[in-house]
């Protein structure tokens, strides 16, 4: 049984920071690419960031590049998303994703991030 549990969401003022965490269990964590996606109210789910199995390759959506940092700790089966200089348009439910060989995909339940002006 694979389980991904996000935490760290909440309410923050514009310009503030949050760090999201995703705890993985039931999988060989180092075999998986990890990523973050988000879904804003009334919008489709969009890609935010991804990180390779060894943490050496990262990629970000243009909308968050320079403000967000994805990282992972394979010893702890954890992936993180550091979000700085948050904007109201960052408000969304953020989801953690694990992917193995581009076909074995798992999703967390999501954590709400709300950015107020």
C-alpha atoms as a PDB file:
ATOM      1  CA  UNK A   1       0.000   0.000   0.000  1.00  0.00           C
ATOM      2  CA  UNK A   2       1.382   3.319  -1.128  1.00  0.00           C
ATOM      3  CA  UNK A   3       0.519   6.414   0.829  1.00  0.00           C
ATOM      4  CA  UNK A   4       1.503  10.040   0.323  1.00  0.00           C
ATOM      5  CA  UNK A   5       0.594  12.530   3.028  1.00  0.00           C
ATOM      6  CA  UNK A   6       1.046  16.258   2.494  1.00  0.00           C
ATOM      7  CA  UNK A   7       1.344  18.773   5.287  1.00  0.00           C
ATOM      8  CA  UNK A   8       2.411  22.357   5.851  1.00  0.00           C
ATOM      9  CA  UNK A   9      -0.368  24.197   4.075  1.00  0.00           C
ATOM     10  CA  UNK A  10      -2.234  27.064   5.634  1.00  0.00           C
ATOM     11  CA  UNK A  11      -3.036  30.743   5.435  1.00  0.00           C
ATOM     12  CA  UNK A  12      -0.249  33.188   4.730  1.00  0.00           C
ATOM     13  CA  UNK A  13       0.027  36.839   3.770  1.00  0.00           C
ATOM     14  CA  UNK A  14       1.261  37.820   0.341  1.00  0.00           C
ATOM     15  CA  UNK A  15       5.038  37.923   0.342  1.00  0.00           C
ATOM     16  CA  UNK A  16       5.263  35.282   3.018  1.00  0.00           C
ATOM     17  CA  UNK A  17       6.627  31.758   2.901  1.00  0.00           C
ATOM     18  CA  UNK A  18       5.476  28.215   3.514  1.00  0.00           C
ATOM     19  CA  UNK A  19       7.169  24.852   3.350  1.00  0.00           C
ATOM     20  CA  UNK A  20       5.105  21.890   2.259  1.00  0.00           C
ATOM     21  CA  UNK A  21       6.109  18.362   3.174  1.00  0.00           C
ATOM     22  CA  UNK A  22       5.130  15.035   1.669  1.00  0.00           C
ATOM     23  CA  UNK A  23       5.732  11.820   3.582  1.00  0.00           C
ATOM     24  CA  UNK A  24       5.797   8.663   1.489  1.00  0.00           C
ATOM     25  CA  UNK A  25       5.303   5.095   2.636  1.00  0.00           C
ATOM     26  CA  UNK A  26       4.713   1.742   1.003  1.00  0.00           C
ATOM     27  CA  UNK A  27       7.187   2.295  -1.822  1.00  0.00           C
ATOM     28  CA  UNK A  28      10.898   2.203  -2.512  1.00  0.00           C
ATOM     29  CA  UNK A  29      11.175   5.946  -2.325  1.00  0.00           C
ATOM     30  CA  UNK A  30      14.498   6.376  -4.108  1.00  0.00           C
ATOM     31  CA  UNK A  31      13.085   4.656  -7.216  1.00  0.00           C
ATOM     32  CA  UNK A  32      10.489   7.379  -7.722  1.00  0.00           C
ATOM     33  CA  UNK A  33      10.511  10.762  -9.300  1.00  0.00           C
ATOM     34  CA  UNK A  34       8.563  13.133  -7.095  1.00  0.00           C
ATOM     35  CA  UNK A  35       6.570  16.191  -7.951  1.00  0.00           C
ATOM     36  CA  UNK A  36       4.126  18.820  -6.820  1.00  0.00           C
ATOM     37  CA  UNK A  37       0.960  19.869  -8.609  1.00  0.00           C
ATOM     38  CA  UNK A  38      -1.759  22.293  -7.662  1.00  0.00           C
ATOM     39  CA  UNK A  39      -5.386  22.996  -8.425  1.00  0.00           C
ATOM     40  CA  UNK A  40      -6.826  26.459  -7.955  1.00  0.00           C
ATOM     41  CA  UNK A  41     -10.589  27.004  -7.613  1.00  0.00           C
ATOM     42  CA  UNK A  42     -12.279  26.727 -10.987  1.00  0.00           C
ATOM     43  CA  UNK A  43      -9.077  25.714 -12.763  1.00  0.00           C
ATOM     44  CA  UNK A  44      -7.506  22.494 -13.928  1.00  0.00           C
ATOM     45  CA  UNK A  45      -4.656  20.841 -12.116  1.00  0.00           C
ATOM     46  CA  UNK A  46      -1.288  22.248 -13.128  1.00  0.00           C
ATOM     47  CA  UNK A  47       2.307  21.195 -12.793  1.00  0.00           C
ATOM     48  CA  UNK A  48       4.411  23.003 -10.201  1.00  0.00           C
ATOM     49  CA  UNK A  49       7.748  21.224  -9.769  1.00  0.00           C
ATOM     50  CA  UNK A  50       9.463  17.865 -10.118  1.00  0.00           C
ATOM     51  CA  UNK A  51      12.645  16.269  -8.818  1.00  0.00           C
ATOM     52  CA  UNK A  52      14.502  13.197 -10.011  1.00  0.00           C
ATOM     53  CA  UNK A  53      15.171  10.075  -8.011  1.00  0.00           C
ATOM     54  CA  UNK A  54      18.545  11.251  -6.731  1.00  0.00           C
ATOM     55  CA  UNK A  55      17.581  14.882  -6.271  1.00  0.00           C
ATOM     56  CA  UNK A  56      19.926  16.051  -9.007  1.00  0.00           C
ATOM     57  CA  UNK A  57      17.392  17.080 -11.638  1.00  0.00           C
ATOM     58  CA  UNK A  58      14.690  19.625 -10.920  1.00  0.00           C
ATOM     59  CA  UNK A  59      12.196  21.433 -13.088  1.00  0.00           C
ATOM     60  CA  UNK A  60       9.715  24.199 -12.309  1.00  0.00           C
ATOM     61  CA  UNK A  61       6.717  25.801 -13.881  1.00  0.00           C
ATOM     62  CA  UNK A  62       7.485  29.293 -15.143  1.00  0.00           C
ATOM     63  CA  UNK A  63       4.942  30.755 -12.744  1.00  0.00           C
ATOM     64  CA  UNK A  64       6.906  29.611  -9.693  1.00  0.00           C
ATOM     65  CA  UNK A  65      10.477  29.564 -10.970  1.00  0.00           C
ATOM     66  CA  UNK A  66      12.759  31.540  -8.701  1.00  0.00           C
ATOM     67  CA  UNK A  67      10.281  31.468  -5.830  1.00  0.00           C
ATOM     68  CA  UNK A  68       9.791  27.749  -5.162  1.00  0.00           C
ATOM     69  CA  UNK A  69      12.375  25.088  -4.392  1.00  0.00           C
ATOM     70  CA  UNK A  70      11.717  21.360  -4.464  1.00  0.00           C
ATOM     71  CA  UNK A  71      13.951  18.997  -2.519  1.00  0.00           C
ATOM     72  CA  UNK A  72      13.938  15.443  -1.232  1.00  0.00           C
ATOM     73  CA  UNK A  73      15.457  13.388   1.543  1.00  0.00           C
ATOM     74  CA  UNK A  74      15.586   9.758   0.485  1.00  0.00           C
ATOM     75  CA  UNK A  75      16.730   8.632   3.933  1.00  0.00           C
ATOM     76  CA  UNK A  76      13.483   9.982   5.381  1.00  0.00           C
ATOM     77  CA  UNK A  77      11.171   9.259   2.435  1.00  0.00           C
ATOM     78  CA  UNK A  78      10.285  12.934   2.304  1.00  0.00           C
ATOM     79  CA  UNK A  79       9.875  15.536  -0.399  1.00  0.00           C
ATOM     80  CA  UNK A  80       9.523  19.241   0.271  1.00  0.00           C
ATOM     81  CA  UNK A  81       8.362  22.362  -1.476  1.00  0.00           C
ATOM     82  CA  UNK A  82       9.727  25.620  -0.136  1.00  0.00           C
ATOM     83  CA  UNK A  83       7.523  28.481  -1.311  1.00  0.00           C
ATOM     84  CA  UNK A  84       8.770  32.045  -0.964  1.00  0.00           C
ATOM     85  CA  UNK A  85       7.314  35.399  -1.941  1.00  0.00           C
ATOM     86  CA  UNK A  86       3.860  33.909  -2.165  1.00  0.00           C
ATOM     87  CA  UNK A  87       1.216  35.625  -4.249  1.00  0.00           C
ATOM     88  CA  UNK A  88      -2.586  35.441  -4.080  1.00  0.00           C
ATOM     89  CA  UNK A  89      -2.577  33.524  -7.375  1.00  0.00           C
ATOM     90  CA  UNK A  90      -0.633  30.748  -5.628  1.00  0.00           C
ATOM     91  CA  UNK A  91      -3.779  29.906  -3.687  1.00  0.00           C
ATOM     92  CA  UNK A  92      -4.625  26.291  -4.462  1.00  0.00           C
ATOM     93  CA  UNK A  93      -4.721  22.772  -3.160  1.00  0.00           C
ATOM     94  CA  UNK A  94      -1.223  21.355  -3.531  1.00  0.00           C
ATOM     95  CA  UNK A  95      -0.757  17.662  -4.299  1.00  0.00           C
ATOM     96  CA  UNK A  96       2.260  15.442  -3.951  1.00  0.00           C
ATOM     97  CA  UNK A  97       2.902  12.918  -6.734  1.00  0.00           C
ATOM     98  CA  UNK A  98       5.164   9.883  -6.969  1.00  0.00           C
ATOM     99  CA  UNK A  99       6.004   8.430 -10.368  1.00  0.00           C
ATOM    100  CA  UNK A 100       7.896   5.277 -11.325  1.00  0.00           C
ATOM    101  CA  UNK A 101       8.761   4.528 -14.951  1.00  0.00           C
ATOM    102  CA  UNK A 102       6.220   7.138 -16.024  1.00  0.00           C
ATOM    103  CA  UNK A 103       3.334   4.733 -15.435  1.00  0.00           C
ATOM    104  CA  UNK A 104       3.128   3.916 -11.735  1.00  0.00           C
ATOM    105  CA  UNK A 105       1.660   7.114 -10.324  1.00  0.00           C
ATOM    106  CA  UNK A 106       0.443   7.877  -6.838  1.00  0.00           C
ATOM    107  CA  UNK A 107      -1.164  10.985  -5.409  1.00  0.00           C
ATOM    108  CA  UNK A 108      -1.656  12.443  -1.970  1.00  0.00           C
ATOM    109  CA  UNK A 109      -4.870  13.970  -0.709  1.00  0.00           C
ATOM    110  CA  UNK A 110      -3.584  17.519  -0.983  1.00  0.00           C
ATOM    111  CA  UNK A 111      -3.009  20.409   1.370  1.00  0.00           C
ATOM    112  CA  UNK A 112      -4.644  23.812   1.108  1.00  0.00           C
ATOM    113  CA  UNK A 113      -2.518  26.907   0.600  1.00  0.00           C
ATOM    114  CA  UNK A 114      -4.282  30.244   0.858  1.00  0.00           C
ATOM    115  CA  UNK A 115      -2.451  33.502   0.216  1.00  0.00           C
ATOM    116  CA  UNK A 116      -4.154  36.720   1.245  1.00  0.00           C
ATOM    117  CA  UNK A 117      -3.303  40.228   0.137  1.00  0.00           C
END
